[in-house]
Amino acid sequence: MTLNFTKIAEEHQLAIDSIIEQQDKIEQATGQIIHALKNNKKVLWCGNGGSAAEAQHMAAELMVRYVKNRQPLASLALTNDTSILTAHSNDYEFETVFSRQIQGLGQIGDILIGMTTSGKSQNVLQAFRAAKEKGIFTIALVGQNSKQIEADSDLVITVNSDKTARIQEGHTFINHLICELLDLAFD
């Protein structure tokens, strides 16, 4: 069995290039996040599988630090509490596991960042709908298939790939670019 490293690297580079082309959207997303945080609001994150891990990763980057020692930034991954995730999924349905938390924790002026490589994750889509009802600004990080989530998103940043691994790599890159900008904005 052989792995075509060159092909994978080329796919990765195409995904990264598509992100660089959306610098304005990344800056707009960061501007919204800065505005929310400076007004004592919070950033909520959600996603499934690898995107759930990325949500936790990013909540930690904001709450603890990215590179620079700075104040903690209010951030919470809706994927962290196993009791909520399992109780809700058992008593209700998995599709509403994030929207229920938005209903209970979300406030007008907060930010919701949802990551879905397919663009079709029902629990992320329902979280975006619940966020819109509460006046929460929504940022979607997706792969090429973004049509379903666009209607409920204030801002969509698309990684130009249909491969889950490349999309996830792109989402991490986008999130780290946001962190770089947040490090500049907060002491």
C-alpha atoms as a PDB file:
ATOM      1  CA  MET A   1       0.000   0.000   0.000  1.00  0.00           C
ATOM      2  CA  THR A   2       1.356   3.411  -0.923  1.00  0.00           C
ATOM      3  CA  LEU A   3       0.186   6.833   0.022  1.00  0.00           C
ATOM      4  CA  ASN A   4       0.336   9.663  -2.481  1.00  0.00           C
ATOM      5  CA  PHE A   5       1.795  12.369  -0.258  1.00  0.00           C
ATOM      6  CA  THR A   6       2.017  14.831  -3.138  1.00  0.00           C
ATOM      7  CA  LYS A   7      -1.688  14.497  -3.947  1.00  0.00           C
ATOM      8  CA  ILE A   8      -2.666  14.985  -0.301  1.00  0.00           C
ATOM      9  CA  ALA A   9      -0.384  18.019   0.009  1.00  0.00           C
ATOM     10  CA  GLU A  10      -1.893  19.503  -3.163  1.00  0.00           C
ATOM     11  CA  GLU A  11      -5.438  18.973  -1.801  1.00  0.00           C
ATOM     12  CA  HIS A  12      -4.393  20.602   1.471  1.00  0.00           C
ATOM     13  CA  GLN A  13      -2.858  23.572  -0.343  1.00  0.00           C
ATOM     14  CA  LEU A  14      -6.003  24.095  -2.438  1.00  0.00           C
ATOM     15  CA  ALA A  15      -8.065  24.129   0.764  1.00  0.00           C
ATOM     16  CA  ILE A  16      -5.697  26.632   2.403  1.00  0.00           C
ATOM     17  CA  ASP A  17      -5.697  28.832  -0.717  1.00  0.00           C
ATOM     18  CA  SER A  18      -9.509  28.957  -0.592  1.00  0.00           C
ATOM     19  CA  ILE A  19      -9.280  30.238   2.993  1.00  0.00           C
ATOM     20  CA  ILE A  20      -6.732  32.910   2.142  1.00  0.00           C
ATOM     21  CA  GLU A  21      -9.161  34.161  -0.533  1.00  0.00           C
ATOM     22  CA  GLN A  22     -11.709  34.742   2.264  1.00  0.00           C
ATOM     23  CA  GLN A  23      -9.537  36.992   4.417  1.00  0.00           C
ATOM     24  CA  ASP A  24     -12.305  39.588   4.511  1.00  0.00           C
ATOM     25  CA  LYS A  25     -14.785  37.068   5.948  1.00  0.00           C
ATOM     26  CA  ILE A  26     -12.297  35.938   8.591  1.00  0.00           C
ATOM     27  CA  GLU A  27     -11.673  39.552   9.574  1.00  0.00           C
ATOM     28  CA  GLN A  28     -15.435  40.213   9.642  1.00  0.00           C
ATOM     29  CA  ALA A  29     -15.991  37.138  11.849  1.00  0.00           C
ATOM     30  CA  THR A  30     -13.228  38.257  14.194  1.00  0.00           C
ATOM     31  CA  GLY A  31     -14.658  41.777  14.329  1.00  0.00           C
ATOM     32  CA  GLN A  32     -18.007  40.356  15.424  1.00  0.00           C
ATOM     33  CA  ILE A  33     -16.287  38.207  18.053  1.00  0.00           C
ATOM     34  CA  ILE A  34     -14.282  41.169  19.377  1.00  0.00           C
ATOM     35  CA  HIS A  35     -17.429  43.300  19.573  1.00  0.00           C
ATOM     36  CA  ALA A  36     -19.277  40.582  21.482  1.00  0.00           C
ATOM     37  CA  LEU A  37     -16.437  39.937  23.916  1.00  0.00           C
ATOM     38  CA  LYS A  38     -15.885  43.635  24.605  1.00  0.00           C
ATOM     39  CA  ASN A  39     -19.588  43.830  25.470  1.00  0.00           C
ATOM     40  CA  ASN A  40     -19.375  41.008  28.031  1.00  0.00           C
ATOM     41  CA  LYS A  41     -20.871  38.413  25.692  1.00  0.00           C
ATOM     42  CA  LYS A  42     -19.530  34.958  24.890  1.00  0.00           C
ATOM     43  CA  VAL A  43     -18.543  32.712  22.019  1.00  0.00           C
ATOM     44  CA  LEU A  44     -20.354  29.366  21.788  1.00  0.00           C
ATOM     45  CA  TRP A  45     -18.964  26.533  19.654  1.00  0.00           C
ATOM     46  CA  CYS A  46     -20.531  23.344  18.287  1.00  0.00           C
ATOM     47  CA  GLY A  47     -19.816  20.503  15.906  1.00  0.00           C
ATOM     48  CA  ASN A  48     -19.797  16.709  15.667  1.00  0.00           C
ATOM     49  CA  GLY A  49     -16.917  14.228  15.791  1.00  0.00           C
ATOM     50  CA  GLY A  50     -13.689  15.967  14.807  1.00  0.00           C
ATOM     51  CA  SER A  51     -15.572  19.260  14.753  1.00  0.00           C
ATOM     52  CA  ALA A  52     -16.660  18.644  18.360  1.00  0.00           C
ATOM     53  CA  ALA A  53     -13.003  18.219  19.277  1.00  0.00           C
ATOM     54  CA  GLU A  54     -12.208  21.426  17.379  1.00  0.00           C
ATOM     55  CA  ALA A  55     -14.990  23.230  19.277  1.00  0.00           C
ATOM     56  CA  GLN A  56     -13.396  22.193  22.566  1.00  0.00           C
ATOM     57  CA  HIS A  57      -9.942  23.097  21.274  1.00  0.00           C
ATOM     58  CA  MET A  58     -11.080  26.592  20.295  1.00  0.00           C
ATOM     59  CA  ALA A  59     -13.016  27.263  23.500  1.00  0.00           C
ATOM     60  CA  ALA A  60      -9.796  26.448  25.359  1.00  0.00           C
ATOM     61  CA  GLU A  61      -7.708  28.721  23.121  1.00  0.00           C
ATOM     62  CA  LEU A  62      -9.985  31.643  24.012  1.00  0.00           C
ATOM     63  CA  MET A  63     -10.430  30.875  27.710  1.00  0.00           C
ATOM     64  CA  VAL A  64      -6.796  30.021  28.463  1.00  0.00           C
ATOM     65  CA  ARG A  65      -4.577  31.601  25.823  1.00  0.00           C
ATOM     66  CA  TYR A  66      -3.481  31.179  22.262  1.00  0.00           C
ATOM     67  CA  VAL A  67       0.100  32.480  22.071  1.00  0.00           C
ATOM     68  CA  LYS A  68       0.039  35.684  24.055  1.00  0.00           C
ATOM     69  CA  ASN A  69      -0.726  35.831  27.766  1.00  0.00           C
ATOM     70  CA  ARG A  70      -3.924  37.876  27.834  1.00  0.00           C
ATOM     71  CA  GLN A  71      -7.200  38.017  29.692  1.00  0.00           C
ATOM     72  CA  PRO A  72      -9.507  35.004  29.364  1.00  0.00           C
ATOM     73  CA  LEU A  73     -12.127  35.419  26.665  1.00  0.00           C
ATOM     74  CA  ALA A  74     -15.602  34.046  27.465  1.00  0.00           C
ATOM     75  CA  SER A  75     -15.954  30.923  25.366  1.00  0.00           C
ATOM     76  CA  LEU A  76     -17.799  27.630  25.745  1.00  0.00           C
ATOM     77  CA  ALA A  77     -17.993  24.460  23.664  1.00  0.00           C
ATOM     78  CA  LEU A  78     -21.502  23.012  23.675  1.00  0.00           C
ATOM     79  CA  THR A  79     -19.877  19.601  23.186  1.00  0.00           C
ATOM     80  CA  ASN A  80     -18.198  19.411  26.612  1.00  0.00           C
ATOM     81  CA  ASP A  81     -20.847  18.277  29.071  1.00  0.00           C
ATOM     82  CA  THR A  82     -21.367  14.540  28.633  1.00  0.00           C
ATOM     83  CA  SER A  83     -24.285  14.531  31.064  1.00  0.00           C
ATOM     84  CA  ILE A  84     -26.152  17.124  28.991  1.00  0.00           C
ATOM     85  CA  LEU A  85     -25.254  15.401  25.712  1.00  0.00           C
ATOM     86  CA  THR A  86     -26.364  11.950  26.842  1.00  0.00           C
ATOM     87  CA  ALA A  87     -29.405  12.988  28.901  1.00  0.00           C
ATOM     88  CA  HIS A  88     -30.747  15.208  26.139  1.00  0.00           C
ATOM     89  CA  SER A  89     -30.107  12.623  23.425  1.00  0.00           C
ATOM     90  CA  ASN A  90     -31.804   9.956  25.536  1.00  0.00           C
ATOM     91  CA  ASP A  91     -34.808  12.049  26.621  1.00  0.00           C
ATOM     92  CA  TYR A  92     -35.317  14.035  23.405  1.00  0.00           C
ATOM     93  CA  GLU A  93     -33.301  13.641  20.225  1.00  0.00           C
ATOM     94  CA  PHE A  94     -29.726  14.224  19.168  1.00  0.00           C
ATOM     95  CA  GLU A  95     -30.794  16.788  16.549  1.00  0.00           C
ATOM     96  CA  THR A  96     -31.694  19.303  19.291  1.00  0.00           C
ATOM     97  CA  VAL A  97     -28.749  18.707  21.628  1.00  0.00           C
ATOM     98  CA  PHE A  98     -27.113  22.056  20.767  1.00  0.00           C
ATOM     99  CA  SER A  99     -30.255  24.135  20.197  1.00  0.00           C
ATOM    100  CA  ARG A 100     -31.470  23.240  23.696  1.00  0.00           C
ATOM    101  CA  GLN A 101     -28.227  24.570  25.154  1.00  0.00           C
ATOM    102  CA  ILE A 102     -28.525  27.725  23.038  1.00  0.00           C
ATOM    103  CA  GLN A 103     -32.026  28.232  24.447  1.00  0.00           C
ATOM    104  CA  GLY A 104     -30.709  27.918  27.993  1.00  0.00           C
ATOM    105  CA  LEU A 105     -27.320  29.619  27.744  1.00  0.00           C
ATOM    106  CA  GLY A 106     -27.459  31.912  24.725  1.00  0.00           C
ATOM    107  CA  GLN A 107     -28.020  35.638  25.030  1.00  0.00           C
ATOM    108  CA  ILE A 108     -28.568  38.373  22.509  1.00  0.00           C
ATOM    109  CA  GLY A 109     -25.174  39.588  21.356  1.00  0.00           C
ATOM    110  CA  ASP A 110     -23.399  36.239  21.802  1.00  0.00           C
ATOM    111  CA  ILE A 111     -21.622  34.519  18.921  1.00  0.00           C
ATOM    112  CA  LEU A 112     -22.232  30.944  17.751  1.00  0.00           C
ATOM    113  CA  ILE A 113     -19.572  29.248  15.655  1.00  0.00           C
ATOM    114  CA  GLY A 114     -20.765  25.976  14.178  1.00  0.00           C
ATOM    115  CA  MET A 115     -18.535  23.626  12.259  1.00  0.00           C
ATOM    116  CA  THR A 116     -19.920  21.015   9.904  1.00  0.00           C
ATOM    117  CA  THR A 117     -17.771  19.451   7.216  1.00  0.00           C
ATOM    118  CA  SER A 118     -20.851  18.228   5.343  1.00  0.00           C
ATOM    119  CA  GLY A 119     -22.882  21.403   5.882  1.00  0.00           C
ATOM    120  CA  LYS A 120     -25.818  19.126   6.710  1.00  0.00           C
ATOM    121  CA  SER A 121     -25.447  18.260  10.408  1.00  0.00           C
ATOM    122  CA  GLN A 122     -28.986  18.603  11.735  1.00  0.00           C
ATOM    123  CA  ASN A 123     -27.944  19.428  15.290  1.00  0.00           C
ATOM    124  CA  VAL A 124     -25.723  22.271  14.034  1.00  0.00           C
ATOM    125  CA  LEU A 125     -28.462  23.519  11.689  1.00  0.00           C
ATOM    126  CA  GLN A 126     -30.984  23.530  14.537  1.00  0.00           C
ATOM    127  CA  ALA A 127     -28.485  25.317  16.790  1.00  0.00           C
ATOM    128  CA  PHE A 128     -28.213  28.062  14.159  1.00  0.00           C
ATOM    129  CA  ARG A 129     -31.992  28.401  13.994  1.00  0.00           C
ATOM    130  CA  ALA A 130     -32.228  28.666  17.793  1.00  0.00           C
ATOM    131  CA  ALA A 131     -29.403  31.218  17.781  1.00  0.00           C
ATOM    132  CA  LYS A 132     -31.179  33.387  15.209  1.00  0.00           C
ATOM    133  CA  GLU A 133     -34.286  33.401  17.414  1.00  0.00           C
ATOM    134  CA  LYS A 134     -32.186  34.695  20.315  1.00  0.00           C
ATOM    135  CA  GLY A 135     -30.332  37.416  18.390  1.00  0.00           C
ATOM    136  CA  ILE A 136     -27.037  35.532  18.359  1.00  0.00           C
ATOM    137  CA  PHE A 137     -24.637  36.214  15.468  1.00  0.00           C
ATOM    138  CA  THR A 138     -23.871  32.944  13.658  1.00  0.00           C
ATOM    139  CA  ILE A 139     -20.677  31.931  11.881  1.00  0.00           C
ATOM    140  CA  ALA A 140     -20.631  28.679   9.907  1.00  0.00           C
ATOM    141  CA  LEU A 141     -17.408  26.895   9.015  1.00  0.00           C
ATOM    142  CA  VAL A 142     -18.174  24.361   6.290  1.00  0.00           C
ATOM    143  CA  GLY A 143     -16.806  22.447   3.335  1.00  0.00           C
ATOM    144  CA  GLN A 144     -17.992  22.829  -0.241  1.00  0.00           C
ATOM    145  CA  ASN A 145     -21.550  21.849   0.632  1.00  0.00           C
ATOM    146  CA  SER A 146     -22.862  24.945   2.407  1.00  0.00           C
ATOM    147  CA  LYS A 147     -26.306  25.446   0.856  1.00  0.00           C
ATOM    148  CA  GLN A 148     -28.380  24.113   3.781  1.00  0.00           C
ATOM    149  CA  ILE A 149     -26.687  26.189   6.460  1.00  0.00           C
ATOM    150  CA  GLU A 150     -26.456  29.456   4.503  1.00  0.00           C
ATOM    151  CA  ALA A 151     -30.072  30.445   5.187  1.00  0.00           C
ATOM    152  CA  ASP A 152     -29.522  30.384   8.958  1.00  0.00           C
ATOM    153  CA  SER A 153     -26.003  31.860   8.990  1.00  0.00           C
ATOM    154  CA  ASP A 154     -24.911  35.451   9.258  1.00  0.00           C
ATOM    155  CA  LEU A 155     -21.500  34.535   7.871  1.00  0.00           C
ATOM    156  CA  VAL A 156     -20.288  31.413   6.076  1.00  0.00           C
ATOM    157  CA  ILE A 157     -16.614  30.576   5.624  1.00  0.00           C
ATOM    158  CA  THR A 158     -16.140  27.724   3.177  1.00  0.00           C
ATOM    159  CA  VAL A 159     -13.156  25.428   2.820  1.00  0.00           C
ATOM    160  CA  ASN A 160     -13.009  24.479  -0.844  1.00  0.00           C
ATOM    161  CA  SER A 161     -12.819  20.724  -0.450  1.00  0.00           C
ATOM    162  CA  ASP A 162     -15.126  17.739  -0.286  1.00  0.00           C
ATOM    163  CA  LYS A 163     -12.693  15.687   1.802  1.00  0.00           C
ATOM    164  CA  THR A 164     -13.413  15.662   5.529  1.00  0.00           C
ATOM    165  CA  ALA A 165      -9.744  15.694   6.567  1.00  0.00           C
ATOM    166  CA  ARG A 166      -8.899  18.700   4.366  1.00  0.00           C
ATOM    167  CA  ILE A 167     -11.998  20.567   5.609  1.00  0.00           C
ATOM    168  CA  GLN A 168     -11.068  19.903   9.233  1.00  0.00           C
ATOM    169  CA  GLU A 169      -7.507  21.069   8.581  1.00  0.00           C
ATOM    170  CA  GLY A 170      -8.975  24.198   7.030  1.00  0.00           C
ATOM    171  CA  HIS A 171     -11.261  24.832   9.999  1.00  0.00           C
ATOM    172  CA  THR A 172      -8.300  24.646  12.364  1.00  0.00           C
ATOM    173  CA  PHE A 173      -6.408  27.116  10.175  1.00  0.00           C
ATOM    174  CA  ILE A 174      -9.367  29.520  10.111  1.00  0.00           C
ATOM    175  CA  ASN A 175      -9.769  29.269  13.874  1.00  0.00           C
ATOM    176  CA  HIS A 176      -6.080  29.882  14.462  1.00  0.00           C
ATOM    177  CA  LEU A 177      -6.217  32.947  12.216  1.00  0.00           C
ATOM    178  CA  ILE A 178      -9.102  34.213  14.361  1.00  0.00           C
ATOM    179  CA  CYS A 179      -7.008  33.548  17.478  1.00  0.00           C
ATOM    180  CA  GLU A 180      -4.074  35.495  16.006  1.00  0.00           C
ATOM    181  CA  LEU A 181      -6.390  38.475  15.482  1.00  0.00           C
ATOM    182  CA  LEU A 182      -7.883  38.114  18.986  1.00  0.00           C
ATOM    183  CA  ASP A 183      -4.397  38.104  20.494  1.00  0.00           C
ATOM    184  CA  LEU A 184      -3.815  41.464  18.798  1.00  0.00           C
ATOM    185  CA  ALA A 185      -7.121  42.872  20.065  1.00  0.00           C
ATOM    186  CA  PHE A 186      -6.921  41.852  23.742  1.00  0.00           C
ATOM    187  CA  ASP A 187      -4.283  42.308  26.415  1.00  0.00           C
END
